[in-house]
Amino acid sequence: MPSRRPLVSHAAKIFLVAGLSLAAATPARAFLFDDLFSGEPSQREGRPFASAIPREVVSYRGSERPGSIVVSTRERRLYYVLGDGQALRYGVGVGRPGFEWGGVHHVTNKREWPDWTPPAQMLARRPDLPRHMAGGIGNPLGARAIYIGGTLYRIHGSNEPDTIGQAVSSGCIRMTNNDVIDLYDRVHVGAKVVVQR
């Protein structure tokens, strides 16, 4: 009697290949999936990977209208104004020393899995950077980008969630991918953005 071979479905083969590809990915890429889907701190080299600063509804006493964004670079927090004396507070990464900025602007565009073209000023400092990078898992803008008109800056996701709560960027406001997806779905083009130093 011929031996029976275990049947492996086509879908199972795809998942196996995807899993092997993920295991071979760089740590930043692998841990992006944890950030997007699990919501749990992951492990890297036996140490806990930085977990997200919890997103929470807080009291808000400012004068900005519902739908506005207020970034406190000193606190390293972003507030999405809900109204009725409340705001949704997120942890963010902000510009490192020498790259701080502030002002009142508006959201001019939104993109899912955005491409990244480093501005000339950044390329002058870092000529090793690519001139253009297609959107995706390895892209430093992460899962979403919210463009702040009149500036070179964006509120965007990150494939380095351990930088949230720190001052390490070239001026952009970084969020975890989970948080930037949440904010992206709430905020509208034209919304006011106040960046406080």
Protein backbone atom coordinates (compact mmCIF):
# COMPACT_ATOMS: atom_id res chain seq x y z
CA MET A 1 0.00 0.00 0.00
CA PRO A 2 1.54 3.38 -0.96
CA SER A 3 2.50 5.64 1.95
CA ARG A 4 0.28 8.64 2.54
CA ARG A 5 1.88 12.04 2.20
CA PRO A 6 0.59 14.85 4.39
CA LEU A 7 -1.29 17.37 2.35
CA VAL A 8 -0.10 20.96 2.73
CA SER A 9 -2.47 23.54 1.36
CA HIS A 10 -1.30 26.31 -0.92
CA ALA A 11 -2.31 28.87 1.74
CA ALA A 12 -0.21 27.07 4.38
CA LYS A 13 2.81 27.22 2.07
CA ILE A 14 2.33 30.96 1.62
CA PHE A 15 2.14 31.51 5.39
CA LEU A 16 5.27 29.38 5.90
CA VAL A 17 7.25 31.37 3.33
CA ALA A 18 5.98 34.65 4.79
CA GLY A 19 6.97 33.52 8.29
CA LEU A 20 10.46 32.57 7.15
CA SER A 21 10.83 35.89 5.36
CA LEU A 22 9.76 37.76 8.47
CA ALA A 23 12.21 35.81 10.62
CA ALA A 24 15.00 36.82 8.24
CA ALA A 25 13.92 40.47 8.23
CA THR A 26 15.81 43.15 10.08
CA PRO A 27 14.70 43.64 13.70
CA ALA A 28 13.03 46.95 12.87
CA ARG A 29 10.96 45.31 10.17
CA ALA A 30 10.06 42.29 12.26
CA PHE A 31 9.01 44.36 15.24
CA LEU A 32 6.88 46.62 13.06
CA PHE A 33 4.45 43.70 12.80
CA ASP A 34 4.27 43.50 16.60
CA ASP A 35 3.49 47.21 16.71
CA LEU A 36 0.78 46.92 14.08
CA PHE A 37 -1.00 43.80 15.19
CA SER A 38 -0.27 42.64 18.72
CA GLY A 39 -0.25 45.76 20.86
CA GLU A 40 2.07 43.86 23.22
CA PRO A 41 5.70 44.68 23.98
CA SER A 42 7.93 42.31 22.05
CA GLN A 43 11.29 40.80 22.96
CA ARG A 44 14.61 41.53 21.28
CA GLU A 45 17.79 39.80 22.43
CA GLY A 46 15.99 38.73 25.61
CA ARG A 47 15.11 42.31 26.62
CA PRO A 48 11.66 43.89 26.45
CA PHE A 49 11.28 46.05 23.37
CA ALA A 50 10.02 49.55 24.13
CA SER A 51 6.28 49.49 24.53
CA ALA A 52 4.10 52.31 23.31
CA ILE A 53 3.18 55.22 25.54
CA PRO A 54 -0.50 54.52 26.20
CA ARG A 55 -3.03 56.46 24.16
CA GLU A 56 -5.67 57.93 26.45
CA VAL A 57 -8.50 60.43 26.73
CA VAL A 58 -7.49 63.31 29.03
CA SER A 59 -8.89 66.65 30.16
CA TYR A 60 -8.11 69.51 27.79
CA ARG A 61 -8.42 73.17 28.76
CA GLY A 62 -6.97 74.78 25.65
CA SER A 63 -8.84 77.00 23.23
CA GLU A 64 -8.40 74.91 20.06
CA ARG A 65 -11.53 73.61 18.34
CA PRO A 66 -12.45 69.92 18.07
CA GLY A 67 -10.48 68.22 15.28
CA SER A 68 -7.35 70.30 15.93
CA ILE A 69 -3.95 68.83 16.72
CA VAL A 70 -1.74 70.30 19.44
CA VAL A 71 1.83 69.01 19.80
CA SER A 72 3.73 69.74 23.00
CA THR A 73 7.36 69.11 22.09
CA ARG A 74 8.41 69.67 25.71
CA GLU A 75 6.01 66.97 26.94
CA ARG A 76 6.56 64.82 23.83
CA ARG A 77 2.84 64.38 23.53
CA LEU A 78 0.30 65.07 20.79
CA TYR A 79 -3.29 66.05 21.63
CA TYR A 80 -6.17 65.51 19.25
CA VAL A 81 -8.93 67.81 20.51
CA LEU A 82 -12.23 65.98 20.96
CA GLY A 83 -14.33 68.80 22.43
CA ASP A 84 -16.29 68.97 25.69
CA GLY A 85 -13.05 69.58 27.59
CA GLN A 86 -11.37 66.41 26.36
CA ALA A 87 -8.53 65.40 24.06
CA LEU A 88 -6.95 62.16 22.96
CA ARG A 89 -3.30 62.14 24.05
CA TYR A 90 -0.60 60.21 22.20
CA GLY A 91 3.11 59.76 22.87
CA VAL A 92 5.35 61.17 20.12
CA GLY A 93 8.99 61.54 19.17
CA VAL A 94 10.12 65.08 18.34
CA GLY A 95 13.03 66.98 16.82
CA ARG A 96 16.41 66.51 18.42
CA PRO A 97 18.39 69.54 19.71
CA GLY A 98 18.90 71.98 16.85
CA PHE A 99 15.81 70.70 15.04
CA GLU A 100 13.11 72.02 17.35
CA TRP A 101 10.41 74.18 15.83
CA GLY A 102 6.96 75.55 16.57
CA GLY A 103 4.10 77.41 14.98
CA VAL A 104 0.53 77.22 13.73
CA HIS A 105 -0.13 75.38 10.48
CA HIS A 106 -2.73 73.12 8.85
CA VAL A 107 -2.91 69.57 7.53
CA THR A 108 -2.51 69.78 3.76
CA ASN A 109 -2.35 66.11 2.79
CA LYS A 110 -2.59 62.57 4.14
CA ARG A 111 -1.01 59.39 2.74
CA GLU A 112 -1.18 55.69 3.58
CA TRP A 113 2.16 53.86 3.44
CA PRO A 114 3.77 56.99 1.96
CA ASP A 115 6.84 57.14 -0.23
CA TRP A 116 9.77 59.06 1.23
CA THR A 117 11.93 61.56 -0.65
CA PRO A 118 14.45 63.12 1.76
CA PRO A 119 14.54 66.92 1.41
CA ALA A 120 17.67 68.60 0.05
CA GLN A 121 18.60 69.86 3.53
CA MET A 122 18.63 66.31 4.88
CA LEU A 123 20.59 64.97 1.91
CA ALA A 124 23.21 67.68 2.46
CA ARG A 125 23.69 66.37 6.01
CA ARG A 126 23.33 62.71 5.08
CA PRO A 127 24.47 62.09 1.49
CA ASP A 128 24.31 58.33 2.17
CA LEU A 129 20.50 58.40 2.27
CA PRO A 130 18.50 57.09 -0.68
CA ARG A 131 17.10 59.75 -3.00
CA HIS A 132 13.69 58.07 -2.89
CA MET A 133 12.15 55.14 -1.04
CA ALA A 134 8.85 53.49 -1.89
CA GLY A 135 6.30 53.16 0.91
CA GLY A 136 6.26 49.95 2.89
CA ILE A 137 7.48 48.16 5.98
CA GLY A 138 11.07 49.46 5.79
CA ASN A 139 10.15 53.05 4.99
CA PRO A 140 11.00 55.46 7.85
CA LEU A 141 7.63 57.24 7.48
CA GLY A 142 5.84 54.10 8.62
CA ALA A 143 2.18 53.28 7.99
CA ARG A 144 0.75 56.81 7.57
CA ALA A 145 1.88 60.40 7.04
CA ILE A 146 -0.02 63.60 7.81
CA TYR A 147 1.59 66.52 5.99
CA ILE A 148 1.93 69.87 7.75
CA GLY A 149 1.62 72.66 5.17
CA GLY A 150 4.23 75.42 5.05
CA THR A 151 6.87 73.14 6.58
CA LEU A 152 9.13 70.26 5.60
CA TYR A 153 7.62 68.23 8.41
CA ARG A 154 5.06 65.48 8.81
CA ILE A 155 3.34 63.63 11.57
CA HIS A 156 4.16 60.07 10.63
CA GLY A 157 4.52 56.49 11.78
CA SER A 158 7.81 54.87 12.56
CA ASN A 159 9.51 51.51 12.18
CA GLU A 160 11.49 52.47 15.31
CA PRO A 161 8.82 52.48 18.03
CA ASP A 162 11.50 52.70 20.74
CA THR A 163 12.14 56.33 19.68
CA ILE A 164 8.65 57.45 20.77
CA GLY A 165 8.95 59.77 23.76
CA GLN A 166 12.41 60.91 22.68
CA ALA A 167 13.90 63.88 20.83
CA VAL A 168 15.69 62.17 17.94
CA SER A 169 14.08 63.23 14.65
CA SER A 170 15.06 65.89 12.13
CA GLY A 171 11.92 67.80 13.05
CA CYS A 172 9.10 65.45 12.12
CA ILE A 173 6.64 64.25 14.73
CA ARG A 174 6.91 60.47 15.07
CA MET A 175 4.22 58.12 16.37
CA THR A 176 3.88 54.38 16.65
CA ASN A 177 2.20 52.89 13.61
CA ASN A 178 -0.83 51.94 15.69
CA ASP A 179 -1.21 55.51 16.93
CA VAL A 180 -0.64 57.22 13.60
CA ILE A 181 -3.25 54.99 11.97
CA ASP A 182 -5.70 55.96 14.71
CA LEU A 183 -4.94 59.68 14.31
CA TYR A 184 -5.00 59.47 10.50
CA ASP A 185 -8.53 58.09 10.60
CA ARG A 186 -9.69 60.96 12.83
CA VAL A 187 -7.99 64.04 11.40
CA HIS A 188 -9.14 65.88 8.26
CA VAL A 189 -7.22 67.82 5.63
CA GLY A 190 -7.45 71.47 6.66
CA ALA A 191 -7.27 70.71 10.40
CA LYS A 192 -5.27 73.14 12.50
CA VAL A 193 -1.89 71.95 13.80
CA VAL A 194 -0.31 73.83 16.70
CA VAL A 195 3.27 72.88 17.56
CA GLN A 196 4.36 74.26 20.93
CA ARG A 197 8.03 74.45 21.91
